[in-house]
C-alpha atoms as a PDB file:
ATOM      1  CA  MET A   1      45.566  72.918  47.384  1.00  0.00           C
ATOM      2  CA  GLN A   2      43.913  73.655  44.051  1.00  0.00           C
ATOM      3  CA  THR A   3      44.534  77.383  44.490  1.00  0.00           C
ATOM      4  CA  VAL A   4      48.195  76.801  45.328  1.00  0.00           C
ATOM      5  CA  ALA A   5      48.608  74.563  42.282  1.00  0.00           C
ATOM      6  CA  LEU A   6      47.071  77.268  40.116  1.00  0.00           C
ATOM      7  CA  SER A   7      49.455  79.849  41.547  1.00  0.00           C
ATOM      8  CA  VAL A   8      52.448  77.615  40.878  1.00  0.00           C
ATOM      9  CA  ALA A   9      51.333  77.267  37.271  1.00  0.00           C
ATOM     10  CA  ILE A  10      51.036  81.028  36.967  1.00  0.00           C
ATOM     11  CA  VAL A  11      54.531  81.492  38.409  1.00  0.00           C
ATOM     12  CA  CYS A  12      55.779  79.257  35.613  1.00  0.00           C
ATOM     13  CA  LEU A  13      54.026  81.503  33.117  1.00  0.00           C
ATOM     14  CA  LEU A  14      55.549  84.588  34.701  1.00  0.00           C
ATOM     15  CA  ALA A  15      59.010  83.089  34.348  1.00  0.00           C
ATOM     16  CA  GLY A  16      58.171  82.023  30.817  1.00  0.00           C
ATOM     17  CA  ALA A  17      57.418  85.605  29.894  1.00  0.00           C
ATOM     18  CA  VAL A  18      61.128  86.082  29.222  1.00  0.00           C
ATOM     19  CA  TYR A  19      60.807  83.593  26.396  1.00  0.00           C
ATOM     20  CA  GLY A  20      57.176  83.905  25.329  1.00  0.00           C
ATOM     21  CA  GLY A  21      55.870  86.942  23.517  1.00  0.00           C
ATOM     22  CA  LEU A  22      53.659  88.006  20.652  1.00  0.00           C
ATOM     23  CA  MET A  23      53.894  86.293  17.283  1.00  0.00           C
ATOM     24  CA  PHE A  24      54.600  88.432  14.226  1.00  0.00           C
ATOM     25  CA  ASP A  25      54.483  87.410  10.570  1.00  0.00           C
ATOM     26  CA  ARG A  26      57.940  88.794   9.897  1.00  0.00           C
ATOM     27  CA  PRO A  27      61.550  87.927  10.696  1.00  0.00           C
ATOM     28  CA  CYS A  28      63.202  89.559  13.697  1.00  0.00           C
ATOM     29  CA  PRO A  29      64.283  93.122  12.897  1.00  0.00           C
ATOM     30  CA  THR A  30      68.043  93.372  12.482  1.00  0.00           C
ATOM     31  CA  ASN A  31      68.510  97.109  12.983  1.00  0.00           C
ATOM     32  CA  VAL A  32      67.343  97.508  16.592  1.00  0.00           C
ATOM     33  CA  PRO A  33      70.067  99.342  18.574  1.00  0.00           C
ATOM     34  CA  VAL A  34      70.843  98.429  22.182  1.00  0.00           C
ATOM     35  CA  LYS A  35      72.417 100.345  25.047  1.00  0.00           C
ATOM     36  CA  GLN A  36      76.181 100.664  24.594  1.00  0.00           C
ATOM     37  CA  TYR A  37      78.699 100.666  27.463  1.00  0.00           C
ATOM     38  CA  PHE A  38      76.060  98.932  29.565  1.00  0.00           C
ATOM     39  CA  GLU A  39      76.674  99.130  33.329  1.00  0.00           C
ATOM     40  CA  VAL A  40      75.343  96.104  35.191  1.00  0.00           C
ATOM     41  CA  ASP A  41      75.977  97.610  38.633  1.00  0.00           C
ATOM     42  CA  SER A  42      73.990 100.733  37.786  1.00  0.00           C
ATOM     43  CA  TYR A  43      71.106  98.607  36.508  1.00  0.00           C
ATOM     44  CA  LEU A  44      70.719  96.656  39.760  1.00  0.00           C
ATOM     45  CA  GLY A  45      67.844  97.343  42.122  1.00  0.00           C
ATOM     46  CA  LYS A  46      64.084  97.523  41.828  1.00  0.00           C
ATOM     47  CA  TRP A  47      62.108  98.289  38.680  1.00  0.00           C
ATOM     48  CA  TYR A  48      58.358  98.679  38.117  1.00  0.00           C
ATOM     49  CA  GLU A  49      56.758  97.545  34.870  1.00  0.00           C
ATOM     50  CA  MET A  50      54.908 100.388  33.140  1.00  0.00           C
ATOM     51  CA  GLN A  51      54.028  98.878  29.750  1.00  0.00           C
ATOM     52  CA  ARG A  52      54.428  95.575  27.940  1.00  0.00           C
ATOM     53  CA  TYR A  53      53.326  93.480  25.018  1.00  0.00           C
ATOM     54  CA  GLU A  54      50.323  91.577  26.389  1.00  0.00           C
ATOM     55  CA  SER A  55      51.359  87.993  25.705  1.00  0.00           C
ATOM     56  CA  GLU A  56      49.530  84.943  27.032  1.00  0.00           C
ATOM     57  CA  PHE A  57      52.321  84.442  29.576  1.00  0.00           C
ATOM     58  CA  GLU A  58      51.566  87.719  31.357  1.00  0.00           C
ATOM     59  CA  GLU A  59      47.823  87.923  30.828  1.00  0.00           C
ATOM     60  CA  ASN A  60      45.922  89.148  33.917  1.00  0.00           C
ATOM     61  CA  PHE A  61      49.097  90.372  35.685  1.00  0.00           C
ATOM     62  CA  ASP A  62      49.351  93.781  37.334  1.00  0.00           C
ATOM     63  CA  CYS A  63      51.808  95.222  39.862  1.00  0.00           C
ATOM     64  CA  VAL A  64      54.606  93.505  37.941  1.00  0.00           C
ATOM     65  CA  GLN A  65      57.943  94.326  39.534  1.00  0.00           C
ATOM     66  CA  VAL A  66      61.487  93.037  39.211  1.00  0.00           C
ATOM     67  CA  ARG A  67      64.528  93.303  41.443  1.00  0.00           C
ATOM     68  CA  TYR A  68      68.082  92.663  40.244  1.00  0.00           C
ATOM     69  CA  THR A  69      70.825  91.802  42.745  1.00  0.00           C
ATOM     70  CA  LEU A  70      74.419  90.730  42.165  1.00  0.00           C
ATOM     71  CA  ASN A  71      75.399  87.129  42.951  1.00  0.00           C
ATOM     72  CA  GLU A  72      78.821  86.103  44.254  1.00  0.00           C
ATOM     73  CA  ASP A  73      79.759  84.732  40.813  1.00  0.00           C
ATOM     74  CA  ASP A  74      78.957  88.120  39.208  1.00  0.00           C
ATOM     75  CA  SER A  75      75.762  86.806  37.662  1.00  0.00           C
ATOM     76  CA  VAL A  76      72.543  88.649  38.491  1.00  0.00           C
ATOM     77  CA  GLN A  77      69.637  87.265  40.494  1.00  0.00           C
ATOM     78  CA  VAL A  78      66.308  88.168  38.891  1.00  0.00           C
ATOM     79  CA  SER A  79      63.289  88.326  41.206  1.00  0.00           C
ATOM     80  CA  ASN A  80      60.018  88.801  39.306  1.00  0.00           C
ATOM     81  CA  SER A  81      56.823  89.468  41.251  1.00  0.00           C
ATOM     82  CA  ALA A  82      53.266  90.192  40.168  1.00  0.00           C
ATOM     83  CA  TYR A  83      49.666  90.341  41.294  1.00  0.00           C
ATOM     84  CA  ASN A  84      47.361  87.901  39.513  1.00  0.00           C
ATOM     85  CA  LEU A  85      44.002  89.502  38.749  1.00  0.00           C
ATOM     86  CA  PHE A  86      42.479  86.095  38.034  1.00  0.00           C
ATOM     87  CA  ASN A  87      42.778  84.616  41.525  1.00  0.00           C
ATOM     88  CA  GLY A  88      44.064  87.507  43.656  1.00  0.00           C
ATOM     89  CA  SER A  89      47.410  85.944  44.493  1.00  0.00           C
ATOM     90  CA  SER A  90      50.882  87.380  44.827  1.00  0.00           C
ATOM     91  CA  ILE A  91      53.584  85.411  43.052  1.00  0.00           C
ATOM     92  CA  ASN A  92      57.360  85.507  42.814  1.00  0.00           C
ATOM     93  CA  ALA A  93      59.796  83.775  40.462  1.00  0.00           C
ATOM     94  CA  LEU A  94      63.575  83.762  40.821  1.00  0.00           C
ATOM     95  CA  GLY A  95      65.937  83.532  37.883  1.00  0.00           C
ATOM     96  CA  ARG A  96      69.483  84.260  36.810  1.00  0.00           C
ATOM     97  CA  ALA A  97      70.941  86.650  34.259  1.00  0.00           C
ATOM     98  CA  VAL A  98      74.382  87.009  32.683  1.00  0.00           C
ATOM     99  CA  LEU A  99      75.750  89.316  30.032  1.00  0.00           C
ATOM    100  CA  SER A 100      75.343  87.805  26.582  1.00  0.00           C
ATOM    101  CA  PHE A 101      78.717  89.040  25.341  1.00  0.00           C
ATOM    102  CA  PRO A 102      80.816  90.003  28.391  1.00  0.00           C
ATOM    103  CA  ASP A 103      84.161  89.961  26.567  1.00  0.00           C
ATOM    104  CA  GLU A 104      83.304  92.583  23.973  1.00  0.00           C
ATOM    105  CA  GLU A 105      85.317  95.784  24.123  1.00  0.00           C
ATOM    106  CA  VAL A 106      82.085  97.780  24.280  1.00  0.00           C
ATOM    107  CA  VAL A 107      79.650  95.964  26.569  1.00  0.00           C
ATOM    108  CA  GLN A 108      76.146  95.962  25.115  1.00  0.00           C
ATOM    109  CA  GLY A 109      72.879  95.816  27.036  1.00  0.00           C
ATOM    110  CA  LYS A 110      72.216  92.221  26.013  1.00  0.00           C
ATOM    111  CA  LEU A 111      71.593  89.589  28.680  1.00  0.00           C
ATOM    112  CA  ASN A 112      70.718  85.921  28.918  1.00  0.00           C
ATOM    113  CA  VAL A 113      67.918  85.401  31.450  1.00  0.00           C
ATOM    114  CA  SER A 114      66.712  81.981  32.576  1.00  0.00           C
ATOM    115  CA  PHE A 115      64.470  80.513  35.270  1.00  0.00           C
ATOM    116  CA  PHE A 116      64.185  77.143  37.021  1.00  0.00           C
ATOM    117  CA  GLY A 117      67.773  76.138  36.279  1.00  0.00           C
ATOM    118  CA  ALA A 118      67.473  76.415  32.505  1.00  0.00           C
ATOM    119  CA  PRO A 119      70.760  77.079  30.661  1.00  0.00           C
ATOM    120  CA  ASN A 120      71.776  80.715  30.248  1.00  0.00           C
ATOM    121  CA  ASP A 121      72.540  80.323  26.556  1.00  0.00           C
ATOM    122  CA  LEU A 122      69.908  82.557  24.931  1.00  0.00           C
ATOM    123  CA  SER A 123      70.316  86.307  24.475  1.00  0.00           C
ATOM    124  CA  ASN A 124      66.730  87.200  25.331  1.00  0.00           C
ATOM    125  CA  TYR A 125      66.792  90.483  27.279  1.00  0.00           C
ATOM    126  CA  TRP A 126      67.972  93.510  25.328  1.00  0.00           C
ATOM    127  CA  VAL A 127      68.095  96.889  27.038  1.00  0.00           C
ATOM    128  CA  LEU A 128      67.461  99.296  24.173  1.00  0.00           C
ATOM    129  CA  ASP A 129      67.822 102.400  26.313  1.00  0.00           C
ATOM    130  CA  THR A 130      68.079 103.336  29.982  1.00  0.00           C
ATOM    131  CA  ASP A 131      69.375 106.146  32.158  1.00  0.00           C
ATOM    132  CA  TYR A 132      69.636 103.688  35.095  1.00  0.00           C
ATOM    133  CA  GLU A 133      67.924 106.146  37.454  1.00  0.00           C
ATOM    134  CA  THR A 134      64.511 106.629  35.840  1.00  0.00           C
ATOM    135  CA  PHE A 135      63.544 104.293  32.996  1.00  0.00           C
ATOM    136  CA  SER A 136      64.491 101.267  30.927  1.00  0.00           C
ATOM    137  CA  VAL A 137      63.164 100.015  27.589  1.00  0.00           C
ATOM    138  CA  VAL A 138      63.603  96.260  27.136  1.00  0.00           C
ATOM    139  CA  TRP A 139      62.952  94.166  24.038  1.00  0.00           C
ATOM    140  CA  ASN A 140      63.395  90.573  22.957  1.00  0.00           C
ATOM    141  CA  CYS A 141      62.903  88.868  19.611  1.00  0.00           C
ATOM    142  CA  GLN A 142      63.368  85.194  18.785  1.00  0.00           C
ATOM    143  CA  PRO A 143      62.968  83.710  15.284  1.00  0.00           C
ATOM    144  CA  ARG A 144      60.177  81.195  14.770  1.00  0.00           C
ATOM    145  CA  GLY A 145      60.963  79.792  11.364  1.00  0.00           C
ATOM    146  CA  GLU A 146      62.066  81.891   8.406  1.00  0.00           C
ATOM    147  CA  GLU A 147      59.098  84.252   8.206  1.00  0.00           C
ATOM    148  CA  GLN A 148      57.866  84.574  11.800  1.00  0.00           C
ATOM    149  CA  SER A 149      59.206  85.929  15.059  1.00  0.00           C
ATOM    150  CA  GLU A 150      58.191  86.143  18.710  1.00  0.00           C
ATOM    151  CA  GLU A 151      58.703  89.507  20.382  1.00  0.00           C
ATOM    152  CA  SER A 152      58.496  90.825  23.945  1.00  0.00           C
ATOM    153  CA  PHE A 153      58.602  94.439  25.049  1.00  0.00           C
ATOM    154  CA  TRP A 154      58.650  96.216  28.398  1.00  0.00           C
ATOM    155  CA  VAL A 155      58.959  99.755  29.699  1.00  0.00           C
ATOM    156  CA  LEU A 156      60.313  99.829  33.260  1.00  0.00           C
ATOM    157  CA  SER A 157      60.480 102.638  35.789  1.00  0.00           C
ATOM    158  CA  ARG A 158      62.336 103.113  39.069  1.00  0.00           C
ATOM    159  CA  THR A 159      59.109 104.457  40.581  1.00  0.00           C
ATOM    160  CA  PRO A 160      55.476 103.225  40.433  1.00  0.00           C
ATOM    161  CA  THR A 161      54.728 105.951  37.870  1.00  0.00           C
ATOM    162  CA  LEU A 162      56.948 107.411  35.179  1.00  0.00           C
ATOM    163  CA  PRO A 163      58.020 110.966  35.953  1.00  0.00           C
ATOM    164  CA  ALA A 164      56.768 113.649  33.607  1.00  0.00           C
ATOM    165  CA  ASP A 165      60.272 114.250  32.322  1.00  0.00           C
ATOM    166  CA  THR A 166      60.348 115.468  28.729  1.00  0.00           C
ATOM    167  CA  ASP A 167      63.685 113.837  27.911  1.00  0.00           C
ATOM    168  CA  VAL A 168      62.679 110.470  29.390  1.00  0.00           C
ATOM    169  CA  LEU A 169      59.341 110.400  27.577  1.00  0.00           C
ATOM    170  CA  PHE A 170      60.996 111.426  24.311  1.00  0.00           C
ATOM    171  CA  ARG A 171      63.534 108.592  24.538  1.00  0.00           C
ATOM    172  CA  ILE A 172      60.823 106.022  25.261  1.00  0.00           C
ATOM    173  CA  HIS A 173      58.516 107.224  22.495  1.00  0.00           C
ATOM    174  CA  TYR A 174      61.411 107.453  20.043  1.00  0.00           C
ATOM    175  CA  ILE A 175      61.998 103.709  20.370  1.00  0.00           C
ATOM    176  CA  MET A 176      58.310 102.832  20.356  1.00  0.00           C
ATOM    177  CA  ARG A 177      57.620 104.786  17.174  1.00  0.00           C
ATOM    178  CA  ARG A 178      60.360 102.942  15.310  1.00  0.00           C
ATOM    179  CA  TYR A 179      60.326  99.395  16.599  1.00  0.00           C
ATOM    180  CA  ILE A 180      57.152  98.690  18.602  1.00  0.00           C
ATOM    181  CA  ASP A 181      53.547  98.093  17.534  1.00  0.00           C
ATOM    182  CA  ARG A 182      51.897 100.485  19.972  1.00  0.00           C
ATOM    183  CA  SER A 183      48.433  99.049  19.299  1.00  0.00           C
ATOM    184  CA  LEU A 184      49.564  95.861  21.089  1.00  0.00           C
ATOM    185  CA  VAL A 185      51.021  97.567  24.166  1.00  0.00           C
ATOM    186  CA  ARG A 186      49.281  97.110  27.505  1.00  0.00           C
ATOM    187  CA  PHE A 187      49.710  99.519  30.435  1.00  0.00           C
ATOM    188  CA  THR A 188      50.508  97.909  33.801  1.00  0.00           C
ATOM    189  CA  SER A 189      48.781  99.129  36.951  1.00  0.00           C
ATOM    190  CA  GLN A 190      50.983  99.593  40.017  1.00  0.00           C
ATOM    191  CA  LEU A 191      48.185 100.579  42.415  1.00  0.00           C
ATOM    192  CA  ASP A 192      49.001  99.297  45.894  1.00  0.00           C
ATOM    193  CA  GLU A 193      45.376  98.581  46.792  1.00  0.00           C
ATOM    194  CA  ARG A 194      45.208  95.989  44.009  1.00  0.00           C
ATOM    195  CA  TYR A 195      48.135  94.060  45.457  1.00  0.00           C
ATOM    196  CA  VAL A 196      45.960  92.038  47.871  1.00  0.00           C
ATOM    197  CA  VAL A 197      47.689  88.812  48.866  1.00  0.00           C
ATOM    198  CA  ASN A 198      45.470  85.768  49.301  1.00  0.00           C
ATOM    199  CA  VAL A 199      48.022  83.149  48.301  1.00  0.00           C
ATOM    200  CA  ASN A 200      51.756  83.799  48.277  1.00  0.00           C
ATOM    201  CA  VAL A 201      53.899  81.305  46.409  1.00  0.00           C
ATOM    202  CA  THR A 202      57.645  81.659  45.956  1.00  0.00           C
ATOM    203  CA  ILE A 203      59.417  79.403  43.488  1.00  0.00           C
ATOM    204  CA  PHE A 204      63.209  79.298  43.611  1.00  0.00           C
ATOM    205  CA  GLY A 205      64.524  79.070  40.096  1.00  0.00           C
ATOM    206  CA  PHE A 206      68.149  78.089  40.651  1.00  0.00           C
END
């Protein structure tokens, strides 16, 4: 029972990773470009996390994966899964995503993601760049007062390892050089042998 309770708590942290990030002593940058003419349908499917800002909400997580599927109301179901290195458990958290500004003439890669029935009223998942078939670079920044901000960052791949494609790597590194503190980036292992399931807890978020 104690192990299950611990896993439930960690699922909550995994879901909270959308909101929680690293604190910076600066306002949110205002010049960060996002993907234009964003195609939700092309973005659906499974993604593997390659890199991230190592916030307290995702500490000790490897094999982090996410699957996006379309709901009947045209919102997107978000299924986050991860392997917890601390207690060797597999966890899964379900959430919901909608476009932040669906009525704009040019749809941007900005989404509102929430878990556990929370309102979808915060634009907290920005796709900075993606080719839909290989990689995605995701970023989030929320103001914390006038002079601080909380940022999250992820590099996602359609496969457990990024392909050695020069164009893909250039596009990822281009963003990282300009907007990301690379000294704070943590690489995520996707090794299958580390995904040993001792406790499996699924929490339905909506």
